[in-house]
Amino acid sequence: MKSQAVILLPTAKRVLEQFGESIRLAQLRRKISTTLLAERAGISRSTLWQIEKGTPTVAIGAYIQVLFVMGLEKNWLAGVTEDPLGRKLQDIGLITKKRAPKRRKKSNSDEEN
């Protein structure tokens, strides 16, 4: 099956390239060979090379599998769960204006007392 071309905004492309570079640096810090990392992740060496380049056509599952093999999958989740902007937007949506309580109309029985 031939992969479709993925068109990314320049900023998104840079982020993906930085992500791939970070994966490569984590691999080097752990002194794991490319062959061993690819084997443990269940992907080919060429797919790992594509991940390190930040190629957008690689399945996200392959990226996650590489992170899992290196013990970095929780770091991936932390970035999404912390989400300071999303939390601020959520908080803004939760703020509701409080209305003053409605005035009760005095009934005839209230006026007599």
PDB file of N, CA and C in Angstrom:
ATOM      1  N   MET A   1       0.847  -1.169   0.000  1.00  0.00           N
ATOM      2  CA  MET A   1       0.000   0.000   0.000  1.00  0.00           C
ATOM      3  C   MET A   1       0.896   1.236   0.000  1.00  0.00           C
ATOM      4  N   LYS A   2       0.630   2.135  -0.889  1.00  0.00           N
ATOM      5  CA  LYS A   2       1.434   3.342  -1.006  1.00  0.00           C
ATOM      6  C   LYS A   2       0.928   4.394  -0.025  1.00  0.00           C
ATOM      7  N   SER A   3       1.873   5.039   0.686  1.00  0.00           N
ATOM      8  CA  SER A   3       1.457   6.050   1.659  1.00  0.00           C
ATOM      9  C   SER A   3       1.128   7.359   0.955  1.00  0.00           C
ATOM     10  N   GLN A   4       0.173   8.060   1.521  1.00  0.00           N
ATOM     11  CA  GLN A   4      -0.225   9.344   0.971  1.00  0.00           C
ATOM     12  C   GLN A   4       0.698  10.430   1.503  1.00  0.00           C
ATOM     13  N   ALA A   5       0.874  11.455   0.698  1.00  0.00           N
ATOM     14  CA  ALA A   5       1.688  12.582   1.138  1.00  0.00           C
ATOM     15  C   ALA A   5       0.947  13.332   2.241  1.00  0.00           C
ATOM     16  N   VAL A   6       1.657  13.629   3.297  1.00  0.00           N
ATOM     17  CA  VAL A   6       1.078  14.371   4.416  1.00  0.00           C
ATOM     18  C   VAL A   6       1.620  15.784   4.342  1.00  0.00           C
ATOM     19  N   ILE A   7       0.722  16.741   4.322  1.00  0.00           N
ATOM     20  CA  ILE A   7       1.131  18.137   4.245  1.00  0.00           C
ATOM     21  C   ILE A   7       1.013  18.732   5.647  1.00  0.00           C
ATOM     22  N   LEU A   8       2.134  19.191   6.159  1.00  0.00           N
ATOM     23  CA  LEU A   8       2.161  19.780   7.492  1.00  0.00           C
ATOM     24  C   LEU A   8       2.500  21.257   7.418  1.00  0.00           C
ATOM     25  N   LEU A   9       2.001  21.994   8.372  1.00  0.00           N
ATOM     26  CA  LEU A   9       2.421  23.382   8.507  1.00  0.00           C
ATOM     27  C   LEU A   9       3.898  23.384   8.904  1.00  0.00           C
ATOM     28  N   PRO A  10       4.642  24.413   8.540  1.00  0.00           N
ATOM     29  CA  PRO A  10       6.076  24.451   8.861  1.00  0.00           C
ATOM     30  C   PRO A  10       6.364  24.264  10.352  1.00  0.00           C
ATOM     31  N   THR A  11       5.559  24.856  11.207  1.00  0.00           N
ATOM     32  CA  THR A  11       5.770  24.714  12.647  1.00  0.00           C
ATOM     33  C   THR A  11       5.560  23.269  13.084  1.00  0.00           C
ATOM     34  N   ALA A  12       4.514  22.628  12.577  1.00  0.00           N
ATOM     35  CA  ALA A  12       4.233  21.233  12.923  1.00  0.00           C
ATOM     36  C   ALA A  12       5.356  20.332  12.420  1.00  0.00           C
ATOM     37  N   LYS A  13       5.881  20.644  11.252  1.00  0.00           N
ATOM     38  CA  LYS A  13       6.984  19.861  10.698  1.00  0.00           C
ATOM     39  C   LYS A  13       8.217  19.967  11.592  1.00  0.00           C
ATOM     40  N   ARG A  14       8.518  21.166  12.069  1.00  0.00           N
ATOM     41  CA  ARG A  14       9.668  21.353  12.964  1.00  0.00           C
ATOM     42  C   ARG A  14       9.477  20.597  14.277  1.00  0.00           C
ATOM     43  N   VAL A  15       8.269  20.614  14.801  1.00  0.00           N
ATOM     44  CA  VAL A  15       7.987  19.908  16.051  1.00  0.00           C
ATOM     45  C   VAL A  15       8.226  18.407  15.866  1.00  0.00           C
ATOM     46  N   LEU A  16       7.751  17.862  14.767  1.00  0.00           N
ATOM     47  CA  LEU A  16       7.928  16.436  14.495  1.00  0.00           C
ATOM     48  C   LEU A  16       9.402  16.099  14.304  1.00  0.00           C
ATOM     49  N   GLU A  17      10.140  16.978  13.639  1.00  0.00           N
ATOM     50  CA  GLU A  17      11.578  16.767  13.463  1.00  0.00           C
ATOM     51  C   GLU A  17      12.301  16.811  14.806  1.00  0.00           C
ATOM     52  N   GLN A  18      11.907  17.744  15.675  1.00  0.00           N
ATOM     53  CA  GLN A  18      12.514  17.835  17.013  1.00  0.00           C
ATOM     54  C   GLN A  18      12.179  16.599  17.838  1.00  0.00           C
ATOM     55  N   PHE A  19      10.965  16.110  17.679  1.00  0.00           N
ATOM     56  CA  PHE A  19      10.543  14.902  18.393  1.00  0.00           C
ATOM     57  C   PHE A  19      11.400  13.716  17.963  1.00  0.00           C
ATOM     58  N   GLY A  20      11.598  13.575  16.652  1.00  0.00           N
ATOM     59  CA  GLY A  20      12.442  12.501  16.129  1.00  0.00           C
ATOM     60  C   GLY A  20      13.871  12.619  16.620  1.00  0.00           C
ATOM     61  N   GLU A  21      14.374  13.842  16.640  1.00  0.00           N
ATOM     62  CA  GLU A  21      15.734  14.073  17.129  1.00  0.00           C
ATOM     63  C   GLU A  21      15.832  13.720  18.614  1.00  0.00           C
ATOM     64  N   SER A  22      14.818  14.045  19.379  1.00  0.00           N
ATOM     65  CA  SER A  22      14.807  13.713  20.807  1.00  0.00           C
ATOM     66  C   SER A  22      14.812  12.202  21.019  1.00  0.00           C
ATOM     67  N   ILE A  23      14.088  11.494  20.179  1.00  0.00           N
ATOM     68  CA  ILE A  23      14.076  10.033  20.255  1.00  0.00           C
ATOM     69  C   ILE A  23      15.479   9.498  19.972  1.00  0.00           C
ATOM     70  N   ARG A  24      16.120  10.047  18.960  1.00  0.00           N
ATOM     71  CA  ARG A  24      17.487   9.623  18.606  1.00  0.00           C
ATOM     72  C   ARG A  24      18.458   9.893  19.765  1.00  0.00           C
ATOM     73  N   LEU A  25      18.358  11.063  20.369  1.00  0.00           N
ATOM     74  CA  LEU A  25      19.237  11.397  21.490  1.00  0.00           C
ATOM     75  C   LEU A  25      18.989  10.482  22.687  1.00  0.00           C
ATOM     76  N   ALA A  26      17.730  10.152  22.942  1.00  0.00           N
ATOM     77  CA  ALA A  26      17.401   9.244  24.044  1.00  0.00           C
ATOM     78  C   ALA A  26      17.996   7.862  23.775  1.00  0.00           C
ATOM     79  N   GLN A  27      17.967   7.443  22.540  1.00  0.00           N
ATOM     80  CA  GLN A  27      18.556   6.158  22.155  1.00  0.00           C
ATOM     81  C   GLN A  27      20.066   6.176  22.396  1.00  0.00           C
ATOM     82  N   LEU A  28      20.718   7.253  21.996  1.00  0.00           N
ATOM     83  CA  LEU A  28      22.167   7.364  22.180  1.00  0.00           C
ATOM     84  C   LEU A  28      22.539   7.408  23.656  1.00  0.00           C
ATOM     85  N   ARG A  29      21.764   8.137  24.467  1.00  0.00           N
ATOM     86  CA  ARG A  29      22.036   8.205  25.898  1.00  0.00           C
ATOM     87  C   ARG A  29      21.937   6.827  26.550  1.00  0.00           C
ATOM     88  N   ARG A  30      21.025   6.018  26.058  1.00  0.00           N
ATOM     89  CA  ARG A  30      20.834   4.677  26.604  1.00  0.00           C
ATOM     90  C   ARG A  30      21.795   3.665  25.998  1.00  0.00           C
ATOM     91  N   LYS A  31      22.550   4.099  25.004  1.00  0.00           N
ATOM     92  CA  LYS A  31      23.522   3.240  24.307  1.00  0.00           C
ATOM     93  C   LYS A  31      22.854   1.993  23.735  1.00  0.00           C
ATOM     94  N   ILE A  32      21.684   2.216  23.118  1.00  0.00           N
ATOM     95  CA  ILE A  32      20.950   1.134  22.459  1.00  0.00           C
ATOM     96  C   ILE A  32      21.236   1.248  20.962  1.00  0.00           C
ATOM     97  N   SER A  33      21.631   0.152  20.346  1.00  0.00           N
ATOM     98  CA  SER A  33      21.907   0.191  18.909  1.00  0.00           C
ATOM     99  C   SER A  33      20.602   0.343  18.130  1.00  0.00           C
ATOM    100  N   THR A  34      20.731   0.853  16.941  1.00  0.00           N
ATOM    101  CA  THR A  34      19.566   1.039  16.070  1.00  0.00           C
ATOM    102  C   THR A  34      18.908  -0.301  15.786  1.00  0.00           C
ATOM    103  N   THR A  35      19.720  -1.307  15.539  1.00  0.00           N
ATOM    104  CA  THR A  35      19.198  -2.642  15.244  1.00  0.00           C
ATOM    105  C   THR A  35      18.411  -3.197  16.428  1.00  0.00           C
ATOM    106  N   LEU A  36      18.967  -3.075  17.618  1.00  0.00           N
ATOM    107  CA  LEU A  36      18.307  -3.598  18.811  1.00  0.00           C
ATOM    108  C   LEU A  36      17.010  -2.847  19.108  1.00  0.00           C
ATOM    109  N   LEU A  37      17.033  -1.515  19.009  1.00  0.00           N
ATOM    110  CA  LEU A  37      15.834  -0.721  19.267  1.00  0.00           C
ATOM    111  C   LEU A  37      14.727  -1.061  18.277  1.00  0.00           C
ATOM    112  N   ALA A  38      15.086  -1.161  17.014  1.00  0.00           N
ATOM    113  CA  ALA A  38      14.087  -1.502  15.990  1.00  0.00           C
ATOM    114  C   ALA A  38      13.512  -2.889  16.239  1.00  0.00           C
ATOM    115  N   GLU A  39      14.388  -3.830  16.593  1.00  0.00           N
ATOM    116  CA  GLU A  39      13.940  -5.200  16.858  1.00  0.00           C
ATOM    117  C   GLU A  39      12.984  -5.246  18.048  1.00  0.00           C
ATOM    118  N   ARG A  40      13.351  -4.579  19.133  1.00  0.00           N
ATOM    119  CA  ARG A  40      12.500  -4.579  20.331  1.00  0.00           C
ATOM    120  C   ARG A  40      11.169  -3.867  20.083  1.00  0.00           C
ATOM    121  N   ALA A  41      11.186  -2.837  19.239  1.00  0.00           N
ATOM    122  CA  ALA A  41       9.957  -2.098  18.930  1.00  0.00           C
ATOM    123  C   ALA A  41       9.110  -2.806  17.881  1.00  0.00           C
ATOM    124  N   GLY A  42       9.672  -3.833  17.252  1.00  0.00           N
ATOM    125  CA  GLY A  42       8.924  -4.580  16.238  1.00  0.00           C
ATOM    126  C   GLY A  42       8.779  -3.818  14.929  1.00  0.00           C
ATOM    127  N   ILE A  43       9.772  -2.975  14.617  1.00  0.00           N
ATOM    128  CA  ILE A  43       9.744  -2.207  13.373  1.00  0.00           C
ATOM    129  C   ILE A  43      11.063  -2.426  12.632  1.00  0.00           C
ATOM    130  N   SER A  44      11.103  -2.020  11.387  1.00  0.00           N
ATOM    131  CA  SER A  44      12.334  -2.151  10.615  1.00  0.00           C
ATOM    132  C   SER A  44      13.286  -1.006  10.956  1.00  0.00           C
ATOM    133  N   ARG A  45      14.557  -1.204  10.622  1.00  0.00           N
ATOM    134  CA  ARG A  45      15.540  -0.148  10.854  1.00  0.00           C
ATOM    135  C   ARG A  45      15.212   1.076  10.020  1.00  0.00           C
ATOM    136  N   SER A  46      14.671   0.863   8.827  1.00  0.00           N
ATOM    137  CA  SER A  46      14.328   2.018   7.980  1.00  0.00           C
ATOM    138  C   SER A  46      13.173   2.813   8.584  1.00  0.00           C
ATOM    139  N   THR A  47      12.228   2.123   9.235  1.00  0.00           N
ATOM    140  CA  THR A  47      11.134   2.836   9.912  1.00  0.00           C
ATOM    141  C   THR A  47      11.680   3.638  11.081  1.00  0.00           C
ATOM    142  N   LEU A  48      12.610   3.056  11.823  1.00  0.00           N
ATOM    143  CA  LEU A  48      13.230   3.774  12.932  1.00  0.00           C
ATOM    144  C   LEU A  48      13.966   5.000  12.407  1.00  0.00           C
ATOM    145  N   TRP A  49      14.638   4.854  11.300  1.00  0.00           N
ATOM    146  CA  TRP A  49      15.344   5.988  10.685  1.00  0.00           C
ATOM    147  C   TRP A  49      14.346   7.081  10.308  1.00  0.00           C
ATOM    148  N   GLN A  50      13.187   6.688   9.769  1.00  0.00           N
ATOM    149  CA  GLN A  50      12.141   7.652   9.415  1.00  0.00           C
ATOM    150  C   GLN A  50      11.608   8.361  10.668  1.00  0.00           C
ATOM    151  N   ILE A  51      11.480   7.623  11.760  1.00  0.00           N
ATOM    152  CA  ILE A  51      11.029   8.221  13.023  1.00  0.00           C
ATOM    153  C   ILE A  51      12.037   9.260  13.490  1.00  0.00           C
ATOM    154  N   GLU A  52      13.308   8.906  13.423  1.00  0.00           N
ATOM    155  CA  GLU A  52      14.358   9.832  13.859  1.00  0.00           C
ATOM    156  C   GLU A  52      14.403  11.088  13.002  1.00  0.00           C
ATOM    157  N   LYS A  53      13.982  10.983  11.757  1.00  0.00           N
ATOM    158  CA  LYS A  53      13.916  12.154  10.877  1.00  0.00           C
ATOM    159  C   LYS A  53      12.655  12.971  11.122  1.00  0.00           C
ATOM    160  N   GLY A  54      11.667  12.361  11.778  1.00  0.00           N
ATOM    161  CA  GLY A  54      10.402  13.052  12.021  1.00  0.00           C
ATOM    162  C   GLY A  54       9.469  12.980  10.833  1.00  0.00           C
ATOM    163  N   THR A  55       9.527  11.885  10.113  1.00  0.00           N
ATOM    164  CA  THR A  55       8.684  11.705   8.934  1.00  0.00           C
ATOM    165  C   THR A  55       7.220  11.570   9.347  1.00  0.00           C
ATOM    166  N   PRO A  56       6.333  12.385   8.763  1.00  0.00           N
ATOM    167  CA  PRO A  56       4.932  12.368   9.190  1.00  0.00           C
ATOM    168  C   PRO A  56       4.131  11.161   8.712  1.00  0.00           C
ATOM    169  N   THR A  57       4.656  10.392   7.771  1.00  0.00           N
ATOM    170  CA  THR A  57       3.889   9.252   7.255  1.00  0.00           C
ATOM    171  C   THR A  57       4.051   7.993   8.101  1.00  0.00           C
ATOM    172  N   VAL A  58       4.945   8.033   9.087  1.00  0.00           N
ATOM    173  CA  VAL A  58       5.117   6.878   9.976  1.00  0.00           C
ATOM    174  C   VAL A  58       3.937   6.849  10.950  1.00  0.00           C
ATOM    175  N   ALA A  59       3.399   5.666  11.146  1.00  0.00           N
ATOM    176  CA  ALA A  59       2.252   5.516  12.047  1.00  0.00           C
ATOM    177  C   ALA A  59       2.625   5.930  13.464  1.00  0.00           C
ATOM    178  N   ILE A  60       1.696   6.581  14.126  1.00  0.00           N
ATOM    179  CA  ILE A  60       1.959   7.042  15.491  1.00  0.00           C
ATOM    180  C   ILE A  60       2.218   5.860  16.421  1.00  0.00           C
ATOM    181  N   GLY A  61       1.648   4.711  16.100  1.00  0.00           N
ATOM    182  CA  GLY A  61       1.892   3.511  16.896  1.00  0.00           C
ATOM    183  C   GLY A  61       3.362   3.132  16.903  1.00  0.00           C
ATOM    184  N   ALA A  62       4.051   3.354  15.797  1.00  0.00           N
ATOM    185  CA  ALA A  62       5.479   3.052  15.728  1.00  0.00           C
ATOM    186  C   ALA A  62       6.257   4.005  16.626  1.00  0.00           C
ATOM    187  N   TYR A  63       5.887   5.274  16.605  1.00  0.00           N
ATOM    188  CA  TYR A  63       6.527   6.250  17.499  1.00  0.00           C
ATOM    189  C   TYR A  63       6.338   5.831  18.961  1.00  0.00           C
ATOM    190  N   ILE A  64       5.116   5.472  19.325  1.00  0.00           N
ATOM    191  CA  ILE A  64       4.801   5.099  20.703  1.00  0.00           C
ATOM    192  C   ILE A  64       5.542   3.823  21.102  1.00  0.00           C
ATOM    193  N   GLN A  65       5.633   2.876  20.182  1.00  0.00           N
ATOM    194  CA  GLN A  65       6.322   1.624  20.483  1.00  0.00           C
ATOM    195  C   GLN A  65       7.799   1.881  20.791  1.00  0.00           C
ATOM    196  N   VAL A  66       8.432   2.778  20.031  1.00  0.00           N
ATOM    197  CA  VAL A  66       9.830   3.130  20.283  1.00  0.00           C
ATOM    198  C   VAL A  66       9.960   3.795  21.654  1.00  0.00           C
ATOM    199  N   LEU A  67       9.049   4.707  21.967  1.00  0.00           N
ATOM    200  CA  LEU A  67       9.070   5.353  23.283  1.00  0.00           C
ATOM    201  C   LEU A  67       8.904   4.328  24.398  1.00  0.00           C
ATOM    202  N   PHE A  68       8.000   3.375  24.197  1.00  0.00           N
ATOM    203  CA  PHE A  68       7.737   2.345  25.193  1.00  0.00           C
ATOM    204  C   PHE A  68       8.982   1.504  25.446  1.00  0.00           C
ATOM    205  N   VAL A  69       9.670   1.126  24.385  1.00  0.00           N
ATOM    206  CA  VAL A  69      10.877   0.314  24.519  1.00  0.00           C
ATOM    207  C   VAL A  69      11.933   1.047  25.343  1.00  0.00           C
ATOM    208  N   MET A  70      12.004   2.366  25.199  1.00  0.00           N
ATOM    209  CA  MET A  70      12.999   3.143  25.942  1.00  0.00           C
ATOM    210  C   MET A  70      12.472   3.625  27.292  1.00  0.00           C
ATOM    211  N   GLY A  71      11.225   3.294  27.614  1.00  0.00           N
ATOM    212  CA  GLY A  71      10.654   3.690  28.897  1.00  0.00           C
ATOM    213  C   GLY A  71      10.242   5.155  28.951  1.00  0.00           C
ATOM    214  N   LEU A  72       9.915   5.725  27.800  1.00  0.00           N
ATOM    215  CA  LEU A  72       9.563   7.149  27.739  1.00  0.00           C
ATOM    216  C   LEU A  72       8.092   7.411  27.432  1.00  0.00           C
ATOM    217  N   GLU A  73       7.274   6.370  27.429  1.00  0.00           N
ATOM    218  CA  GLU A  73       5.868   6.561  27.060  1.00  0.00           C
ATOM    219  C   GLU A  73       5.138   7.458  28.054  1.00  0.00           C
ATOM    220  N   LYS A  74       5.547   7.449  29.316  1.00  0.00           N
ATOM    221  CA  LYS A  74       4.888   8.303  30.315  1.00  0.00           C
ATOM    222  C   LYS A  74       5.205   9.772  30.063  1.00  0.00           C
ATOM    223  N   ASN A  75       6.385  10.062  29.555  1.00  0.00           N
ATOM    224  CA  ASN A  75       6.724  11.444  29.203  1.00  0.00           C
ATOM    225  C   ASN A  75       5.808  11.945  28.100  1.00  0.00           C
ATOM    226  N   TRP A  76       5.478  11.084  27.171  1.00  0.00           N
ATOM    227  CA  TRP A  76       4.568  11.437  26.072  1.00  0.00           C
ATOM    228  C   TRP A  76       3.203  11.792  26.646  1.00  0.00           C
ATOM    229  N   LEU A  77       2.719  10.968  27.559  1.00  0.00           N
ATOM    230  CA  LEU A  77       1.410  11.210  28.167  1.00  0.00           C
ATOM    231  C   LEU A  77       1.407  12.454  29.037  1.00  0.00           C
ATOM    232  N   ALA A  78       2.526  12.715  29.705  1.00  0.00           N
ATOM    233  CA  ALA A  78       2.593  13.882  30.583  1.00  0.00           C
ATOM    234  C   ALA A  78       2.380  15.165  29.800  1.00  0.00           C
ATOM    235  N   GLY A  79       2.941  15.227  28.607  1.00  0.00           N
ATOM    236  CA  GLY A  79       2.782  16.423  27.791  1.00  0.00           C
ATOM    237  C   GLY A  79       1.335  16.686  27.425  1.00  0.00           C
ATOM    238  N   VAL A  80       0.586  15.634  27.240  1.00  0.00           N
ATOM    239  CA  VAL A  80      -0.818  15.783  26.860  1.00  0.00           C
ATOM    240  C   VAL A  80      -1.700  16.019  28.079  1.00  0.00           C
ATOM    241  N   THR A  81      -1.414  15.343  29.174  1.00  0.00           N
ATOM    242  CA  THR A  81      -2.292  15.461  30.338  1.00  0.00           C
ATOM    243  C   THR A  81      -2.091  16.765  31.099  1.00  0.00           C
ATOM    244  N   GLU A  82      -0.875  17.314  31.059  1.00  0.00           N
ATOM    245  CA  GLU A  82      -0.648  18.582  31.756  1.00  0.00           C
ATOM    246  C   GLU A  82      -1.435  19.699  31.076  1.00  0.00           C
ATOM    247  N   ASP A  83      -1.274  19.889  29.811  1.00  0.00           N
ATOM    248  CA  ASP A  83      -2.054  20.796  28.966  1.00  0.00           C
ATOM    249  C   ASP A  83      -2.505  22.082  29.661  1.00  0.00           C
ATOM    250  N   PRO A  84      -1.568  22.978  30.003  1.00  0.00           N
ATOM    251  CA  PRO A  84      -1.952  24.198  30.724  1.00  0.00           C
ATOM    252  C   PRO A  84      -2.938  25.084  29.951  1.00  0.00           C
ATOM    253  N   LEU A  85      -2.779  25.193  28.646  1.00  0.00           N
ATOM    254  CA  LEU A  85      -3.705  26.020  27.860  1.00  0.00           C
ATOM    255  C   LEU A  85      -5.107  25.426  27.892  1.00  0.00           C
ATOM    256  N   GLY A  86      -5.206  24.117  27.693  1.00  0.00           N
ATOM    257  CA  GLY A  86      -6.520  23.462  27.718  1.00  0.00           C
ATOM    258  C   GLY A  86      -7.211  23.631  29.054  1.00  0.00           C
ATOM    259  N   ARG A  87      -6.434  23.547  30.137  1.00  0.00           N
ATOM    260  CA  ARG A  87      -7.016  23.721  31.471  1.00  0.00           C
ATOM    261  C   ARG A  87      -7.517  25.147  31.673  1.00  0.00           C
ATOM    262  N   LYS A  88      -6.768  26.130  31.179  1.00  0.00           N
ATOM    263  CA  LYS A  88      -7.213  27.523  31.299  1.00  0.00           C
ATOM    264  C   LYS A  88      -8.498  27.741  30.520  1.00  0.00           C
ATOM    265  N   LEU A  89      -8.551  27.193  29.305  1.00  0.00           N
ATOM    266  CA  LEU A  89      -9.766  27.332  28.500  1.00  0.00           C
ATOM    267  C   LEU A  89     -10.950  26.654  29.175  1.00  0.00           C
ATOM    268  N   GLN A  90     -10.687  25.506  29.780  1.00  0.00           N
ATOM    269  CA  GLN A  90     -11.746  24.805  30.499  1.00  0.00           C
ATOM    270  C   GLN A  90     -12.234  25.633  31.681  1.00  0.00           C
ATOM    271  N   ASP A  91     -11.300  26.211  32.418  1.00  0.00           N
ATOM    272  CA  ASP A  91     -11.670  27.030  33.570  1.00  0.00           C
ATOM    273  C   ASP A  91     -12.493  28.238  33.158  1.00  0.00           C
ATOM    274  N   ILE A  92     -12.145  28.853  32.043  1.00  0.00           N
ATOM    275  CA  ILE A  92     -12.908  30.006  31.553  1.00  0.00           C
ATOM    276  C   ILE A  92     -14.342  29.595  31.257  1.00  0.00           C
ATOM    277  N   GLY A  93     -14.489  28.419  30.670  1.00  0.00           N
ATOM    278  CA  GLY A  93     -15.829  27.929  30.336  1.00  0.00           C
ATOM    279  C   GLY A  93     -16.643  27.570  31.560  1.00  0.00           C
ATOM    280  N   LEU A  94     -15.977  27.268  32.659  1.00  0.00           N
ATOM    281  CA  LEU A  94     -16.690  26.861  33.866  1.00  0.00           C
ATOM    282  C   LEU A  94     -17.208  28.043  34.671  1.00  0.00           C
ATOM    283  N   ILE A  95     -16.639  29.212  34.423  1.00  0.00           N
ATOM    284  CA  ILE A  95     -17.071  30.397  35.155  1.00  0.00           C
ATOM    285  C   ILE A  95     -18.438  30.821  34.622  1.00  0.00           C
ATOM    286  N   THR A  96     -19.396  30.858  35.504  1.00  0.00           N
ATOM    287  CA  THR A  96     -20.732  31.273  35.094  1.00  0.00           C
ATOM    288  C   THR A  96     -21.128  32.487  35.920  1.00  0.00           C
ATOM    289  N   LYS A  97     -21.860  33.352  35.295  1.00  0.00           N
ATOM    290  CA  LYS A  97     -22.329  34.533  36.002  1.00  0.00           C
ATOM    291  C   LYS A  97     -23.452  34.112  36.939  1.00  0.00           C
ATOM    292  N   LYS A  98     -23.371  34.600  38.137  1.00  0.00           N
ATOM    293  CA  LYS A  98     -24.432  34.291  39.091  1.00  0.00           C
ATOM    294  C   LYS A  98     -25.453  35.407  39.041  1.00  0.00           C
ATOM    295  N   ARG A  99     -26.664  35.011  38.987  1.00  0.00           N
ATOM    296  CA  ARG A  99     -27.746  35.983  38.958  1.00  0.00           C
ATOM    297  C   ARG A  99     -28.239  36.214  40.375  1.00  0.00           C
ATOM    298  N   ALA A 100     -28.730  37.387  40.570  1.00  0.00           N
ATOM    299  CA  ALA A 100     -29.343  37.700  41.869  1.00  0.00           C
ATOM    300  C   ALA A 100     -30.612  36.862  42.004  1.00  0.00           C
ATOM    301  N   PRO A 101     -30.936  36.454  43.216  1.00  0.00           N
ATOM    302  CA  PRO A 101     -32.152  35.653  43.389  1.00  0.00           C
ATOM    303  C   PRO A 101     -33.376  36.484  43.001  1.00  0.00           C
ATOM    304  N   LYS A 102     -34.347  35.795  42.471  1.00  0.00           N
ATOM    305  CA  LYS A 102     -35.578  36.483  42.078  1.00  0.00           C
ATOM    306  C   LYS A 102     -36.300  36.973  43.333  1.00  0.00           C
ATOM    307  N   ARG A 103     -36.893  38.143  43.177  1.00  0.00           N
ATOM    308  CA  ARG A 103     -37.666  38.684  44.291  1.00  0.00           C
ATOM    309  C   ARG A 103     -38.978  37.938  44.373  1.00  0.00           C
ATOM    310  N   ARG A 104     -39.312  37.643  45.590  1.00  0.00           N
ATOM    311  CA  ARG A 104     -40.601  36.981  45.782  1.00  0.00           C
ATOM    312  C   ARG A 104     -41.684  38.035  45.821  1.00  0.00           C
ATOM    313  N   LYS A 105     -42.731  37.778  45.145  1.00  0.00           N
ATOM    314  CA  LYS A 105     -43.868  38.686  45.201  1.00  0.00           C
ATOM    315  C   LYS A 105     -44.584  38.477  46.524  1.00  0.00           C
ATOM    316  N   LYS A 106     -44.940  39.584  47.111  1.00  0.00           N
ATOM    317  CA  LYS A 106     -45.664  39.472  48.378  1.00  0.00           C
ATOM    318  C   LYS A 106     -47.102  39.070  48.075  1.00  0.00           C
ATOM    319  N   SER A 107     -47.516  38.067  48.758  1.00  0.00           N
ATOM    320  CA  SER A 107     -48.903  37.635  48.587  1.00  0.00           C
ATOM    321  C   SER A 107     -49.746  38.347  49.635  1.00  0.00           C
ATOM    322  N   ASN A 108     -51.028  38.272  49.483  1.00  0.00           N
ATOM    323  CA  ASN A 108     -51.946  38.917  50.437  1.00  0.00           C
ATOM    324  C   ASN A 108     -51.747  38.399  51.844  1.00  0.00           C
ATOM    325  N   SER A 109     -51.435  37.135  51.994  1.00  0.00           N
ATOM    326  CA  SER A 109     -51.254  36.572  53.338  1.00  0.00           C
ATOM    327  C   SER A 109     -49.991  37.111  53.982  1.00  0.00           C
ATOM    328  N   ASP A 110     -48.934  37.436  53.173  1.00  0.00           N
ATOM    329  CA  ASP A 110     -47.712  38.017  53.726  1.00  0.00           C
ATOM    330  C   ASP A 110     -47.954  39.437  54.210  1.00  0.00           C
ATOM    331  N   GLU A 111     -48.798  40.183  53.500  1.00  0.00           N
ATOM    332  CA  GLU A 111     -49.043  41.559  53.858  1.00  0.00           C
ATOM    333  C   GLU A 111     -49.869  41.657  55.157  1.00  0.00           C
ATOM    334  N   GLU A 112     -50.694  40.665  55.415  1.00  0.00           N
ATOM    335  CA  GLU A 112     -51.517  40.695  56.614  1.00  0.00           C
ATOM    336  C   GLU A 112     -50.682  40.474  57.860  1.00  0.00           C
ATOM    337  N   ASN A 113     -49.600  39.777  57.784  1.00  0.00           N
ATOM    338  CA  ASN A 113     -48.770  39.459  58.958  1.00  0.00           C
ATOM    339  C   ASN A 113     -47.910  40.577  59.295  1.00  0.00           C
TER     340      ASN A 113
END
